[in-house]
């Protein structure tokens, strides 16, 4: 648990066999449909469509370590611009989580999946037809590979996703990433 003067960040994790995670928490067709509606589709190297077969990519791993961060603002009544404030909170925690996932990826010789879209570059070189300048830092998200994050958080981590309503900040924000690997634990 990390307490900042403005927010509390709680970490949750679960380990599940990749085959079970894929069978129970993945609906590739449904989530690809959502990806296709996103402005980042086919314009970001960490987003679909991918140059690899996602099923084969995921099947090479045995274990999924799923990591979530639940970020609760400590002074919600003081938030005047919830969109900007929420984006700042998410970015701060996301950078921390990404660094941790990359460290775990190296430790377990696996593959990290970040929470949400790529934040490495201000604009992606994919739209220019150029390769990613930072492939060592860019990773797809679980949802871009077809995983249901809402179902994952509620059933595996006991966190219900919250959404903003009427321009107000939700009670808390949630980031979800993971590392798939074959290391013996």
N, C-alpha and C. Protein backbone atom coordinates (compact mmCIF):
# COMPACT_ATOMS: atom_id res chain seq x y z
N UNK A 1 0.84 -1.17 0.00
CA UNK A 1 0.00 0.00 0.00
C UNK A 1 0.89 1.23 0.00
N UNK A 2 0.55 2.17 -0.86
CA UNK A 2 1.31 3.41 -0.95
C UNK A 2 0.36 4.55 -0.62
N UNK A 3 0.75 5.36 0.37
CA UNK A 3 -0.07 6.52 0.73
C UNK A 3 0.67 7.77 0.30
N UNK A 4 0.01 8.54 -0.54
CA UNK A 4 0.50 9.82 -1.00
C UNK A 4 -0.37 10.85 -0.29
N UNK A 5 0.02 12.10 -0.28
CA UNK A 5 -0.82 13.11 0.38
C UNK A 5 -2.17 13.28 -0.31
N UNK A 6 -2.25 12.89 -1.59
CA UNK A 6 -3.49 13.06 -2.34
C UNK A 6 -4.29 11.78 -2.57
N UNK A 7 -3.63 10.62 -2.47
CA UNK A 7 -4.33 9.39 -2.78
C UNK A 7 -3.68 8.18 -2.09
N UNK A 8 -4.44 7.10 -2.08
CA UNK A 8 -4.00 5.82 -1.55
C UNK A 8 -3.96 4.85 -2.72
N UNK A 9 -2.85 4.13 -2.88
CA UNK A 9 -2.74 3.11 -3.94
C UNK A 9 -2.56 1.76 -3.27
N UNK A 10 -3.53 0.87 -3.49
CA UNK A 10 -3.49 -0.48 -2.93
C UNK A 10 -3.20 -1.45 -4.06
N UNK A 11 -2.33 -2.41 -3.78
CA UNK A 11 -1.96 -3.40 -4.79
C UNK A 11 -2.66 -4.73 -4.51
N UNK A 12 -3.13 -5.34 -5.58
CA UNK A 12 -3.78 -6.64 -5.52
C UNK A 12 -3.13 -7.52 -6.58
N UNK A 13 -3.03 -8.81 -6.30
CA UNK A 13 -2.46 -9.70 -7.31
C UNK A 13 -3.05 -11.10 -7.17
N UNK A 14 -2.95 -11.83 -8.26
CA UNK A 14 -3.40 -13.21 -8.29
C UNK A 14 -2.56 -13.96 -9.32
N UNK A 15 -2.35 -15.23 -9.07
CA UNK A 15 -1.65 -16.09 -10.01
C UNK A 15 -2.65 -17.13 -10.49
N UNK A 16 -2.71 -17.32 -11.81
CA UNK A 16 -3.66 -18.24 -12.41
C UNK A 16 -2.99 -18.89 -13.62
N UNK A 17 -3.27 -20.16 -13.87
CA UNK A 17 -2.73 -20.77 -15.10
C UNK A 17 -3.23 -20.01 -16.33
N UNK A 18 -2.36 -19.77 -17.28
CA UNK A 18 -2.74 -19.04 -18.49
C UNK A 18 -3.90 -19.72 -19.20
N UNK A 19 -3.89 -21.05 -19.28
CA UNK A 19 -4.98 -21.77 -19.95
C UNK A 19 -6.32 -21.45 -19.29
N UNK A 20 -6.36 -21.42 -17.96
CA UNK A 20 -7.60 -21.09 -17.24
C UNK A 20 -7.99 -19.63 -17.45
N UNK A 21 -7.00 -18.75 -17.40
CA UNK A 21 -7.27 -17.32 -17.59
C UNK A 21 -7.85 -17.07 -18.98
N UNK A 22 -7.28 -17.74 -19.97
CA UNK A 22 -7.79 -17.60 -21.34
C UNK A 22 -9.20 -18.17 -21.47
N UNK A 23 -9.43 -19.32 -20.89
CA UNK A 23 -10.74 -19.98 -21.02
C UNK A 23 -11.85 -19.23 -20.30
N UNK A 24 -11.53 -18.67 -19.15
CA UNK A 24 -12.57 -18.07 -18.31
C UNK A 24 -12.69 -16.55 -18.40
N UNK A 25 -11.63 -15.87 -18.83
CA UNK A 25 -11.62 -14.41 -18.76
C UNK A 25 -11.29 -13.73 -20.09
N UNK A 26 -11.31 -14.49 -21.16
CA UNK A 26 -10.98 -13.93 -22.47
C UNK A 26 -12.13 -14.12 -23.44
N UNK A 27 -12.50 -13.04 -24.09
CA UNK A 27 -13.50 -13.06 -25.14
C UNK A 27 -12.94 -12.19 -26.26
N UNK A 28 -12.05 -12.79 -27.04
CA UNK A 28 -11.29 -12.04 -28.04
C UNK A 28 -12.18 -11.31 -29.03
N UNK A 29 -13.22 -11.95 -29.50
CA UNK A 29 -14.10 -11.34 -30.48
C UNK A 29 -14.79 -10.09 -29.91
N UNK A 30 -15.32 -10.20 -28.71
CA UNK A 30 -16.01 -9.06 -28.08
C UNK A 30 -15.06 -7.89 -27.88
N UNK A 31 -13.88 -8.16 -27.32
CA UNK A 31 -12.97 -7.07 -26.99
C UNK A 31 -12.24 -6.54 -28.22
N UNK A 32 -12.08 -7.35 -29.25
CA UNK A 32 -11.54 -6.83 -30.51
C UNK A 32 -12.52 -5.83 -31.11
N UNK A 33 -13.80 -6.09 -30.96
CA UNK A 33 -14.81 -5.14 -31.43
C UNK A 33 -14.68 -3.80 -30.72
N UNK A 34 -14.41 -3.83 -29.43
CA UNK A 34 -14.20 -2.58 -28.69
C UNK A 34 -12.92 -1.89 -29.19
N UNK A 35 -11.87 -2.67 -29.39
CA UNK A 35 -10.60 -2.10 -29.88
C UNK A 35 -10.80 -1.42 -31.24
N UNK A 36 -11.59 -2.05 -32.11
CA UNK A 36 -11.80 -1.49 -33.45
C UNK A 36 -12.54 -0.16 -33.40
N UNK A 37 -13.25 0.12 -32.32
CA UNK A 37 -13.96 1.39 -32.16
C UNK A 37 -13.06 2.48 -31.57
N UNK A 38 -11.90 2.09 -31.08
CA UNK A 38 -10.99 3.02 -30.42
C UNK A 38 -10.15 3.78 -31.44
N UNK A 39 -9.83 5.02 -31.16
CA UNK A 39 -9.02 5.82 -32.08
C UNK A 39 -7.58 5.33 -32.18
N UNK A 40 -7.14 4.48 -31.24
CA UNK A 40 -5.78 3.95 -31.28
C UNK A 40 -5.65 2.68 -32.13
N UNK A 41 -6.78 2.11 -32.52
CA UNK A 41 -6.76 0.90 -33.33
C UNK A 41 -5.97 1.16 -34.61
N UNK A 42 -5.00 0.30 -34.87
CA UNK A 42 -4.16 0.37 -36.06
C UNK A 42 -3.34 1.66 -36.16
N UNK A 43 -3.20 2.37 -35.04
CA UNK A 43 -2.38 3.59 -35.04
C UNK A 43 -1.35 3.58 -33.92
N UNK A 44 -1.30 2.51 -33.15
CA UNK A 44 -0.37 2.39 -32.02
C UNK A 44 0.21 0.99 -32.02
N UNK A 45 1.52 0.89 -31.86
CA UNK A 45 2.19 -0.42 -31.91
C UNK A 45 1.76 -1.36 -30.79
N UNK A 46 1.27 -0.85 -29.69
CA UNK A 46 0.85 -1.70 -28.57
C UNK A 46 -0.64 -2.06 -28.66
N UNK A 47 -1.28 -1.68 -29.75
CA UNK A 47 -2.71 -1.95 -29.94
C UNK A 47 -2.93 -2.81 -31.19
N UNK A 48 -4.06 -3.49 -31.25
CA UNK A 48 -4.38 -4.29 -32.44
C UNK A 48 -4.58 -3.39 -33.66
N UNK A 49 -4.51 -4.00 -34.84
CA UNK A 49 -4.17 -5.40 -35.06
C UNK A 49 -2.67 -5.62 -34.88
N UNK A 50 -2.35 -6.78 -34.35
CA UNK A 50 -0.96 -7.13 -34.08
C UNK A 50 -0.36 -7.88 -35.27
N UNK A 51 0.95 -7.87 -35.33
CA UNK A 51 1.65 -8.59 -36.41
C UNK A 51 1.88 -10.06 -36.04
N UNK A 52 1.34 -10.48 -34.90
CA UNK A 52 1.51 -11.85 -34.44
C UNK A 52 0.14 -12.43 -34.11
N UNK A 53 0.07 -13.75 -34.06
CA UNK A 53 -1.16 -14.43 -33.68
C UNK A 53 -1.26 -14.42 -32.15
N UNK A 54 -2.25 -13.72 -31.63
CA UNK A 54 -2.37 -13.55 -30.18
C UNK A 54 -2.55 -14.88 -29.46
N UNK A 55 -3.34 -15.79 -30.02
CA UNK A 55 -3.55 -17.10 -29.38
C UNK A 55 -2.22 -17.84 -29.21
N UNK A 56 -1.44 -17.90 -30.28
CA UNK A 56 -0.14 -18.58 -30.21
C UNK A 56 0.81 -17.86 -29.25
N UNK A 57 0.74 -16.55 -29.27
CA UNK A 57 1.58 -15.73 -28.40
C UNK A 57 1.29 -16.04 -26.93
N UNK A 58 0.01 -16.12 -26.57
CA UNK A 58 -0.39 -16.38 -25.19
C UNK A 58 -0.16 -17.83 -24.79
N UNK A 59 -0.39 -18.75 -25.72
CA UNK A 59 -0.26 -20.18 -25.44
C UNK A 59 1.14 -20.62 -25.05
N UNK A 60 2.14 -19.82 -25.35
CA UNK A 60 3.51 -20.22 -25.03
C UNK A 60 3.83 -20.08 -23.54
N UNK A 61 2.90 -19.51 -22.78
CA UNK A 61 3.13 -19.31 -21.34
C UNK A 61 2.21 -20.19 -20.51
N UNK A 62 2.67 -20.54 -19.32
CA UNK A 62 1.90 -21.39 -18.41
C UNK A 62 1.22 -20.63 -17.29
N UNK A 63 1.85 -19.56 -16.82
CA UNK A 63 1.37 -18.87 -15.62
C UNK A 63 1.11 -17.39 -15.91
N UNK A 64 0.00 -16.90 -15.39
CA UNK A 64 -0.32 -15.47 -15.48
C UNK A 64 -0.30 -14.89 -14.07
N UNK A 65 0.53 -13.88 -13.89
CA UNK A 65 0.57 -13.11 -12.65
C UNK A 65 -0.16 -11.81 -12.95
N UNK A 66 -1.34 -11.64 -12.38
CA UNK A 66 -2.17 -10.46 -12.65
C UNK A 66 -1.98 -9.49 -11.49
N UNK A 67 -1.71 -8.24 -11.84
CA UNK A 67 -1.42 -7.20 -10.86
C UNK A 67 -2.39 -6.04 -11.07
N UNK A 68 -2.99 -5.57 -9.98
CA UNK A 68 -3.90 -4.42 -10.06
C UNK A 68 -3.52 -3.38 -9.02
N UNK A 69 -3.80 -2.15 -9.36
CA UNK A 69 -3.62 -1.04 -8.44
C UNK A 69 -4.95 -0.32 -8.31
N UNK A 70 -5.45 -0.22 -7.10
CA UNK A 70 -6.70 0.48 -6.80
C UNK A 70 -6.30 1.83 -6.21
N UNK A 71 -6.65 2.90 -6.91
CA UNK A 71 -6.19 4.25 -6.57
C UNK A 71 -7.37 5.06 -6.05
N UNK A 72 -7.34 5.39 -4.76
CA UNK A 72 -8.44 6.10 -4.12
C UNK A 72 -8.02 7.51 -3.76
N UNK A 73 -8.66 8.54 -4.34
CA UNK A 73 -8.37 9.92 -3.95
C UNK A 73 -8.74 10.14 -2.48
N UNK A 74 -7.88 10.82 -1.74
CA UNK A 74 -8.13 11.05 -0.32
C UNK A 74 -8.96 12.30 -0.05
N UNK A 75 -9.01 13.19 -1.03
CA UNK A 75 -9.76 14.45 -0.86
C UNK A 75 -10.66 14.70 -2.06
N UNK A 76 -11.62 13.82 -2.30
CA UNK A 76 -12.44 13.95 -3.52
C UNK A 76 -13.22 15.26 -3.60
N UNK A 77 -13.57 15.83 -2.47
CA UNK A 77 -14.32 17.08 -2.46
C UNK A 77 -13.51 18.25 -3.01
N UNK A 78 -12.20 18.12 -3.05
CA UNK A 78 -11.33 19.20 -3.54
C UNK A 78 -11.03 19.10 -5.03
N UNK A 79 -11.50 18.06 -5.69
CA UNK A 79 -11.21 17.85 -7.11
C UNK A 79 -12.13 18.74 -7.94
N UNK A 80 -11.52 19.69 -8.65
CA UNK A 80 -12.32 20.60 -9.48
C UNK A 80 -12.36 20.16 -10.94
N UNK A 81 -11.33 19.46 -11.38
CA UNK A 81 -11.27 18.97 -12.76
C UNK A 81 -11.01 17.46 -12.71
N UNK A 82 -12.07 16.65 -12.56
CA UNK A 82 -11.87 15.21 -12.38
C UNK A 82 -11.18 14.51 -13.54
N UNK A 83 -11.38 14.98 -14.75
CA UNK A 83 -10.75 14.33 -15.91
C UNK A 83 -9.23 14.49 -15.85
N UNK A 84 -8.78 15.71 -15.66
CA UNK A 84 -7.34 15.97 -15.59
C UNK A 84 -6.73 15.32 -14.36
N UNK A 85 -7.40 15.45 -13.23
CA UNK A 85 -6.90 14.87 -11.99
C UNK A 85 -6.79 13.34 -12.11
N UNK A 86 -7.84 12.72 -12.63
CA UNK A 86 -7.82 11.27 -12.81
C UNK A 86 -6.72 10.82 -13.75
N UNK A 87 -6.52 11.56 -14.84
CA UNK A 87 -5.47 11.22 -15.80
C UNK A 87 -4.09 11.33 -15.15
N UNK A 88 -3.89 12.35 -14.33
CA UNK A 88 -2.61 12.51 -13.63
C UNK A 88 -2.36 11.38 -12.64
N UNK A 89 -3.39 11.02 -11.88
CA UNK A 89 -3.26 9.90 -10.93
C UNK A 89 -2.92 8.61 -11.66
N UNK A 90 -3.66 8.36 -12.72
CA UNK A 90 -3.45 7.12 -13.48
C UNK A 90 -2.04 7.08 -14.07
N UNK A 91 -1.57 8.20 -14.61
CA UNK A 91 -0.25 8.20 -15.22
C UNK A 91 0.84 7.97 -14.17
N UNK A 92 0.72 8.61 -13.03
CA UNK A 92 1.71 8.44 -11.96
C UNK A 92 1.80 6.97 -11.54
N UNK A 93 0.66 6.37 -11.28
CA UNK A 93 0.65 4.97 -10.85
C UNK A 93 0.98 4.03 -11.99
N UNK A 94 0.57 4.38 -13.18
CA UNK A 94 0.85 3.55 -14.34
C UNK A 94 2.36 3.45 -14.59
N UNK A 95 3.08 4.56 -14.49
CA UNK A 95 4.53 4.54 -14.69
C UNK A 95 5.19 3.62 -13.66
N UNK A 96 4.72 3.68 -12.43
CA UNK A 96 5.24 2.83 -11.37
C UNK A 96 4.93 1.36 -11.66
N UNK A 97 3.70 1.09 -12.07
CA UNK A 97 3.29 -0.29 -12.36
C UNK A 97 4.04 -0.84 -13.57
N UNK A 98 4.20 -0.03 -14.62
CA UNK A 98 4.92 -0.48 -15.81
C UNK A 98 6.35 -0.87 -15.46
N UNK A 99 7.00 -0.06 -14.64
CA UNK A 99 8.38 -0.37 -14.24
C UNK A 99 8.42 -1.69 -13.47
N UNK A 100 7.46 -1.88 -12.59
CA UNK A 100 7.41 -3.13 -11.82
C UNK A 100 7.17 -4.33 -12.73
N UNK A 101 6.25 -4.19 -13.68
CA UNK A 101 5.94 -5.29 -14.60
C UNK A 101 7.15 -5.63 -15.47
N UNK A 102 7.88 -4.63 -15.93
CA UNK A 102 9.08 -4.89 -16.73
C UNK A 102 10.15 -5.61 -15.90
N UNK A 103 10.25 -5.25 -14.63
CA UNK A 103 11.19 -5.93 -13.74
C UNK A 103 10.79 -7.40 -13.56
N UNK A 104 9.50 -7.65 -13.35
CA UNK A 104 9.00 -9.02 -13.21
C UNK A 104 9.15 -9.80 -14.51
N UNK A 105 8.93 -9.12 -15.64
CA UNK A 105 9.12 -9.76 -16.94
C UNK A 105 10.55 -10.28 -17.07
N UNK A 106 11.49 -9.46 -16.69
CA UNK A 106 12.90 -9.85 -16.77
C UNK A 106 13.20 -10.97 -15.77
N UNK A 107 12.70 -10.83 -14.56
CA UNK A 107 12.94 -11.83 -13.51
C UNK A 107 12.41 -13.19 -13.90
N UNK A 108 11.19 -13.23 -14.47
CA UNK A 108 10.55 -14.50 -14.82
C UNK A 108 10.79 -14.91 -16.27
N UNK A 109 11.51 -14.09 -17.02
CA UNK A 109 11.75 -14.33 -18.44
C UNK A 109 10.43 -14.58 -19.18
N UNK A 110 9.48 -13.71 -18.90
CA UNK A 110 8.15 -13.81 -19.50
C UNK A 110 7.83 -12.60 -20.34
N UNK A 111 6.55 -12.22 -20.32
CA UNK A 111 6.10 -11.07 -21.10
C UNK A 111 5.10 -10.27 -20.29
N UNK A 112 5.36 -8.96 -20.19
CA UNK A 112 4.47 -8.06 -19.46
C UNK A 112 3.33 -7.59 -20.35
N UNK A 113 2.23 -7.28 -19.71
CA UNK A 113 1.06 -6.67 -20.35
C UNK A 113 0.70 -5.47 -19.49
N UNK A 114 0.73 -4.29 -20.09
CA UNK A 114 0.50 -3.06 -19.33
C UNK A 114 -0.99 -2.78 -19.17
N UNK A 115 -1.29 -1.84 -18.33
CA UNK A 115 -2.67 -1.42 -18.06
C UNK A 115 -3.07 -0.33 -19.05
N UNK A 116 -3.83 -0.69 -20.05
CA UNK A 116 -4.30 0.31 -21.00
C UNK A 116 -3.34 0.54 -22.15
N UNK A 117 -3.52 1.67 -22.81
CA UNK A 117 -2.77 1.99 -24.01
C UNK A 117 -1.34 2.43 -23.69
N UNK A 118 -0.51 2.41 -24.71
CA UNK A 118 0.90 2.76 -24.57
C UNK A 118 1.05 4.25 -24.24
N UNK A 119 1.91 4.56 -23.28
CA UNK A 119 2.16 5.95 -22.89
C UNK A 119 3.63 6.34 -23.06
N UNK A 120 4.39 5.53 -23.78
CA UNK A 120 5.83 5.80 -23.93
C UNK A 120 6.08 7.05 -24.77
N UNK A 121 5.45 7.14 -25.93
CA UNK A 121 5.67 8.28 -26.84
C UNK A 121 4.43 9.18 -26.87
N UNK A 122 4.63 10.48 -27.13
CA UNK A 122 3.46 11.36 -27.25
C UNK A 122 2.59 11.02 -28.45
N UNK A 123 3.20 10.53 -29.53
CA UNK A 123 2.43 10.03 -30.67
C UNK A 123 3.21 8.85 -31.25
N UNK A 124 2.46 7.89 -31.73
CA UNK A 124 3.08 6.63 -32.17
C UNK A 124 3.57 6.73 -33.61
N UNK A 125 4.71 6.11 -33.86
CA UNK A 125 5.30 6.08 -35.20
C UNK A 125 4.55 5.15 -36.15
N UNK A 126 3.64 4.34 -35.61
CA UNK A 126 2.89 3.41 -36.47
C UNK A 126 2.09 4.16 -37.53
N UNK A 127 1.55 5.32 -37.18
CA UNK A 127 0.75 6.08 -38.14
C UNK A 127 1.60 6.60 -39.29
N UNK A 128 2.92 6.65 -39.09
CA UNK A 128 3.85 7.08 -40.13
C UNK A 128 4.46 5.88 -40.88
N UNK A 129 4.07 4.68 -40.46
CA UNK A 129 4.62 3.47 -41.08
C UNK A 129 6.03 3.16 -40.63
N UNK A 130 6.44 3.73 -39.51
CA UNK A 130 7.80 3.51 -38.98
C UNK A 130 7.74 2.52 -37.82
N UNK A 131 8.83 1.80 -37.57
CA UNK A 131 8.84 0.87 -36.43
C UNK A 131 8.82 1.61 -35.09
N UNK A 132 8.45 0.89 -34.06
CA UNK A 132 8.43 1.45 -32.71
C UNK A 132 9.86 1.79 -32.29
N UNK A 133 10.10 3.03 -31.83
CA UNK A 133 11.45 3.39 -31.41
C UNK A 133 11.83 2.83 -30.04
N UNK A 134 10.85 2.34 -29.28
CA UNK A 134 11.11 1.83 -27.93
C UNK A 134 10.45 0.47 -27.70
N UNK A 135 10.75 -0.53 -28.53
CA UNK A 135 10.09 -1.84 -28.34
C UNK A 135 10.42 -2.47 -26.99
N UNK A 136 11.51 -2.08 -26.37
CA UNK A 136 11.86 -2.61 -25.06
C UNK A 136 10.95 -2.04 -23.95
N UNK A 137 10.19 -0.98 -24.26
CA UNK A 137 9.31 -0.35 -23.28
C UNK A 137 7.83 -0.48 -23.61
N UNK A 138 7.48 -0.77 -24.84
CA UNK A 138 6.08 -0.84 -25.26
C UNK A 138 5.55 -2.26 -25.06
N UNK A 139 4.36 -2.36 -24.50
CA UNK A 139 3.71 -3.65 -24.29
C UNK A 139 2.22 -3.52 -24.56
N UNK A 140 1.59 -4.59 -25.08
CA UNK A 140 0.14 -4.55 -25.23
C UNK A 140 -0.53 -4.66 -23.86
N UNK A 141 -1.79 -4.35 -23.83
CA UNK A 141 -2.56 -4.51 -22.60
C UNK A 141 -3.27 -5.85 -22.62
N UNK A 142 -3.75 -6.28 -21.48
CA UNK A 142 -4.53 -7.51 -21.42
C UNK A 142 -5.81 -7.37 -22.25
N UNK A 143 -6.45 -6.21 -22.16
CA UNK A 143 -7.69 -6.02 -22.90
C UNK A 143 -7.45 -6.01 -24.42
N UNK A 144 -6.29 -5.52 -24.87
CA UNK A 144 -6.01 -5.54 -26.31
C UNK A 144 -5.77 -6.95 -26.82
N UNK A 145 -5.53 -7.89 -25.90
CA UNK A 145 -5.39 -9.30 -26.25
C UNK A 145 -6.68 -10.07 -25.98
N UNK A 146 -7.76 -9.34 -25.71
CA UNK A 146 -9.07 -9.95 -25.59
C UNK A 146 -9.54 -10.29 -24.19
N UNK A 147 -8.80 -9.89 -23.16
CA UNK A 147 -9.20 -10.23 -21.79
C UNK A 147 -10.22 -9.23 -21.25
N UNK A 148 -11.16 -9.75 -20.48
CA UNK A 148 -12.22 -8.97 -19.85
C UNK A 148 -11.70 -8.47 -18.50
N UNK A 149 -11.33 -7.21 -18.44
CA UNK A 149 -10.75 -6.65 -17.22
C UNK A 149 -11.80 -6.53 -16.11
N UNK A 150 -13.02 -6.17 -16.45
CA UNK A 150 -14.07 -6.08 -15.44
C UNK A 150 -14.32 -7.41 -14.75
N UNK A 151 -14.42 -8.47 -15.53
CA UNK A 151 -14.63 -9.81 -14.99
C UNK A 151 -13.40 -10.25 -14.19
N UNK A 152 -12.21 -9.94 -14.72
CA UNK A 152 -10.96 -10.29 -14.03
C UNK A 152 -10.89 -9.62 -12.66
N UNK A 153 -11.17 -8.31 -12.63
CA UNK A 153 -11.06 -7.61 -11.34
C UNK A 153 -12.14 -8.06 -10.36
N UNK A 154 -13.35 -8.24 -10.83
CA UNK A 154 -14.42 -8.60 -9.89
C UNK A 154 -14.28 -10.03 -9.37
N UNK A 155 -13.96 -10.98 -10.26
CA UNK A 155 -13.94 -12.38 -9.85
C UNK A 155 -12.60 -12.83 -9.26
N UNK A 156 -11.51 -12.29 -9.75
CA UNK A 156 -10.20 -12.75 -9.27
C UNK A 156 -9.59 -11.86 -8.19
N UNK A 157 -9.94 -10.57 -8.22
CA UNK A 157 -9.28 -9.62 -7.31
C UNK A 157 -10.26 -8.95 -6.33
N UNK A 158 -11.54 -9.25 -6.46
CA UNK A 158 -12.57 -8.66 -5.60
C UNK A 158 -12.59 -7.13 -5.65
N UNK A 159 -12.40 -6.59 -6.85
CA UNK A 159 -12.48 -5.14 -7.08
C UNK A 159 -13.52 -4.92 -8.17
N UNK A 160 -14.53 -4.16 -7.88
CA UNK A 160 -15.52 -3.79 -8.90
C UNK A 160 -15.01 -2.54 -9.59
N UNK A 161 -14.98 -2.56 -10.91
CA UNK A 161 -14.57 -1.36 -11.64
C UNK A 161 -15.59 -0.26 -11.40
N UNK A 162 -15.11 0.95 -11.21
CA UNK A 162 -15.97 2.12 -11.02
C UNK A 162 -15.76 3.05 -12.19
N UNK A 163 -16.80 3.77 -12.54
CA UNK A 163 -16.74 4.69 -13.68
C UNK A 163 -17.20 6.06 -13.22
N UNK A 164 -16.70 7.08 -13.88
CA UNK A 164 -17.15 8.44 -13.55
C UNK A 164 -18.59 8.61 -14.03
N UNK A 165 -19.31 9.44 -13.30
CA UNK A 165 -20.69 9.74 -13.67
C UNK A 165 -20.93 11.22 -13.50
N UNK A 166 -21.64 11.79 -14.45
CA UNK A 166 -21.99 13.21 -14.41
C UNK A 166 -20.77 14.11 -14.18
N UNK A 167 -19.65 13.75 -14.80
CA UNK A 167 -18.45 14.56 -14.68
C UNK A 167 -17.75 14.49 -13.34
N UNK A 168 -18.15 13.53 -12.49
CA UNK A 168 -17.53 13.38 -11.18
C UNK A 168 -16.59 12.20 -11.16
N UNK A 169 -15.58 12.33 -10.36
CA UNK A 169 -14.58 11.29 -10.19
C UNK A 169 -15.23 10.06 -9.54
N UNK A 170 -14.89 8.85 -10.00
CA UNK A 170 -15.40 7.66 -9.30
C UNK A 170 -14.74 7.55 -7.93
N UNK A 171 -15.28 6.68 -7.12
CA UNK A 171 -14.75 6.46 -5.77
C UNK A 171 -13.26 6.09 -5.82
N UNK A 172 -12.89 5.31 -6.83
CA UNK A 172 -11.49 4.93 -7.03
C UNK A 172 -11.27 4.58 -8.49
N UNK A 173 -10.00 4.54 -8.88
CA UNK A 173 -9.59 4.17 -10.23
C UNK A 173 -8.84 2.84 -10.13
N UNK A 174 -8.83 2.08 -11.21
CA UNK A 174 -8.18 0.77 -11.18
C UNK A 174 -7.30 0.59 -12.42
N UNK A 175 -6.09 0.12 -12.20
CA UNK A 175 -5.18 -0.27 -13.27
C UNK A 175 -4.95 -1.77 -13.17
N UNK A 176 -4.92 -2.46 -14.31
CA UNK A 176 -4.69 -3.90 -14.30
C UNK A 176 -3.68 -4.26 -15.38
N UNK A 177 -2.64 -4.97 -15.01
CA UNK A 177 -1.63 -5.46 -15.93
C UNK A 177 -1.24 -6.87 -15.51
N UNK A 178 -0.17 -7.36 -16.08
CA UNK A 178 0.26 -8.70 -15.68
C UNK A 178 1.53 -9.12 -16.36
N UNK A 179 2.01 -10.28 -15.95
CA UNK A 179 3.16 -10.91 -16.57
C UNK A 179 2.81 -12.37 -16.80
N UNK A 180 2.98 -12.82 -18.04
CA UNK A 180 2.82 -14.24 -18.37
C UNK A 180 4.21 -14.84 -18.43
N UNK A 181 4.36 -16.04 -17.84
CA UNK A 181 5.69 -16.63 -17.80
C UNK A 181 5.60 -18.15 -17.63
N UNK A 182 6.78 -18.78 -17.62
CA UNK A 182 6.88 -20.22 -17.44
C UNK A 182 7.75 -20.59 -16.25
N UNK A 183 8.12 -19.62 -15.45
CA UNK A 183 9.00 -19.87 -14.31
C UNK A 183 8.28 -20.69 -13.24
N UNK A 184 9.01 -21.53 -12.56
CA UNK A 184 8.46 -22.30 -11.45
C UNK A 184 8.47 -21.41 -10.23
N UNK A 185 7.33 -21.38 -9.55
CA UNK A 185 7.23 -20.47 -8.39
C UNK A 185 7.37 -21.20 -7.09
